[in-house]
Structures are given as structure tokens and as C-alpha cells.
């Protein structure tokens, strides 16, 4: 594995801070996904978890799924929504990459069909 202390020098200077922030978020989200798959990825694991403390693990699974969904949402949302600016958002990845004003792909229709 090639560990780096900072962004690759080939990344333009004006994008390095955004890249570092985004890379950190991607790694954190991927870690949550790996944990979700490790714990709940096989029926044998799920059966074992259900035999031990089912309420705890159902809650943990829900929290992991929520964390992943919110992390992905924060990485793709604009810094400003309507007339309200999001004060906790230091980085606006979309505008840093020149994507402001473009429609982001969504799967809401697909989710509604499966759930509804």
C-alpha cells in the first residue's frame, strides 16, 4: 500500500485542499461500508448476531446505513441550498471542480419504486 501524507503533486494546487477533504470523507465512508459488509454481509453472520443481541445489531446496522447515506449526500450536496447557506460546510466540492449548477444524478425514483 502506498500511504501518502498529502495530495499527489500532480493535483493542481487550487484543488489540493478540496481533494484532501474529499479523500478523507471517501475513506471514512468506505470504512463504514466495509464494517457493514463484515458484520451483515453473510446470512451466517446475521444469524449469529440475531442469536446474541439482535436489538443492538439492528440499531447498529441502521446507524451504519444512515452514516453512509449522509456521507454520500454531504459529498455531493452544494454548500448553499436555496437561500440558506450551510454553515458547517467548509468545502464545496462541486464548485471547486466546476460542477455548480449541474444536476446531480439521483436514485430517488428507483428507491420509491422498490419501497412504495
Protein backbone atom coordinates (compact mmCIF):
# COMPACT_ATOMS: atom_id res chain seq x y z
CA UNK A 1 0.00 0.00 0.00
CA UNK A 2 1.23 3.46 -0.87
CA UNK A 3 0.46 5.75 2.07
CA UNK A 4 0.65 9.49 1.44
CA UNK A 5 0.86 12.38 3.83
CA UNK A 6 -0.67 14.81 1.36
CA UNK A 7 -2.28 15.02 -2.06
CA UNK A 8 -0.34 13.95 -5.13
CA UNK A 9 1.75 16.78 -6.57
CA UNK A 10 0.06 16.22 -9.95
CA UNK A 11 -3.18 17.61 -8.47
CA UNK A 12 -3.44 21.35 -9.17
CA UNK A 13 -2.63 23.49 -6.14
CA UNK A 14 -6.09 25.11 -6.05
CA UNK A 15 -7.74 21.65 -5.76
CA UNK A 16 -5.43 20.06 -3.19
CA UNK A 17 -7.33 21.13 -0.09
CA UNK A 18 -10.63 20.01 -1.63
CA UNK A 19 -9.03 16.73 -2.73
CA UNK A 20 -7.67 16.04 0.76
CA UNK A 21 -11.06 16.76 2.33
CA UNK A 22 -12.91 14.62 -0.21
CA UNK A 23 -10.39 11.76 0.04
CA UNK A 24 -10.81 11.72 3.83
CA UNK A 25 -14.58 11.58 3.50
CA UNK A 26 -14.40 8.80 0.92
CA UNK A 27 -12.08 6.73 3.15
CA UNK A 28 -14.36 7.23 6.17
CA UNK A 29 -17.45 6.26 4.14
CA UNK A 30 -15.72 3.23 2.67
CA UNK A 31 -14.69 2.16 6.18
CA UNK A 32 -18.33 2.29 7.29
CA UNK A 33 -19.30 0.26 4.21
CA UNK A 34 -16.62 -2.36 4.96
CA UNK A 35 -17.88 -2.64 8.55
CA UNK A 36 -21.45 -3.04 7.30
CA UNK A 37 -20.42 -5.81 4.90
CA UNK A 38 -18.21 -7.54 7.50
CA UNK A 39 -20.98 -7.66 10.10
CA UNK A 40 -24.07 -8.10 7.94
CA UNK A 41 -22.74 -9.39 4.60
CA UNK A 42 -23.44 -13.07 5.12
CA UNK A 43 -26.51 -14.90 6.39
CA UNK A 44 -24.28 -16.83 8.85
CA UNK A 45 -23.14 -13.57 10.46
CA UNK A 46 -26.69 -12.22 10.59
CA UNK A 47 -27.95 -15.44 12.20
CA UNK A 48 -25.20 -15.27 14.83
CA UNK A 49 -25.88 -11.59 15.54
CA UNK A 50 -29.61 -12.29 15.83
CA UNK A 51 -28.89 -15.03 18.39
CA UNK A 52 -26.79 -12.74 20.59
CA UNK A 53 -28.14 -9.18 20.93
CA UNK A 54 -30.50 -8.60 17.98
CA UNK A 55 -31.79 -5.15 19.01
CA UNK A 56 -28.25 -3.78 19.32
CA UNK A 57 -27.16 -5.07 15.92
CA UNK A 58 -30.32 -3.91 14.15
CA UNK A 59 -29.69 -0.43 15.54
CA UNK A 60 -26.00 -0.61 14.57
CA UNK A 61 -26.89 -1.69 11.03
CA UNK A 62 -29.37 1.19 10.71
CA UNK A 63 -26.78 3.67 12.01
CA UNK A 64 -24.15 2.43 9.55
CA UNK A 65 -26.58 2.71 6.63
CA UNK A 66 -27.61 6.21 7.71
CA UNK A 67 -23.95 7.24 8.12
CA UNK A 68 -23.10 6.01 4.62
CA UNK A 69 -26.12 7.71 3.04
CA UNK A 70 -25.48 11.02 4.83
CA UNK A 71 -21.76 10.92 3.99
CA UNK A 72 -22.53 10.44 0.30
CA UNK A 73 -25.12 13.21 0.47
CA UNK A 74 -22.70 15.65 2.11
CA UNK A 75 -20.07 14.92 -0.52
CA UNK A 76 -22.44 15.70 -3.39
CA UNK A 77 -24.61 18.49 -1.95
CA UNK A 78 -23.88 22.11 -2.74
CA UNK A 79 -22.59 24.33 0.04
CA UNK A 80 -25.67 26.51 -0.28
CA UNK A 81 -29.23 25.23 -0.53
CA UNK A 82 -31.74 27.78 -1.79
CA UNK A 83 -31.31 30.95 0.23
CA UNK A 84 -29.80 29.09 3.21
CA UNK A 85 -26.05 28.66 3.42
CA UNK A 86 -24.88 25.60 5.34
CA UNK A 87 -22.51 27.00 8.00
CA UNK A 88 -20.92 23.63 8.83
CA UNK A 89 -19.79 23.07 5.24
CA UNK A 90 -16.28 24.43 4.77
CA UNK A 91 -15.80 22.81 1.38
CA UNK A 92 -18.00 22.93 -1.67
CA UNK A 93 -16.62 20.10 -3.76
CA UNK A 94 -18.98 20.80 -6.66
CA UNK A 95 -17.90 24.40 -7.14
CA UNK A 96 -14.22 23.51 -6.61
CA UNK A 97 -14.48 21.09 -9.51
CA UNK A 98 -16.58 23.44 -11.65
CA UNK A 99 -19.80 21.44 -11.23
CA UNK A 100 -22.02 24.13 -9.69
CA UNK A 101 -25.44 24.31 -11.29
CA UNK A 102 -25.27 20.87 -12.87
CA UNK A 103 -27.91 18.34 -11.98
CA UNK A 104 -26.60 15.50 -9.85
CA UNK A 105 -27.83 12.01 -10.69
CA UNK A 106 -30.38 10.65 -8.25
CA UNK A 107 -31.80 7.26 -7.44
CA UNK A 108 -34.85 8.53 -5.55
CA UNK A 109 -37.22 7.23 -8.25
CA UNK A 110 -35.68 3.78 -8.06
CA UNK A 111 -35.91 3.75 -4.25
CA UNK A 112 -39.54 4.89 -4.29
CA UNK A 113 -40.44 2.09 -6.72
CA UNK A 114 -38.79 -0.54 -4.52
CA UNK A 115 -40.24 0.78 -1.24
CA UNK A 116 -43.62 2.02 -2.46
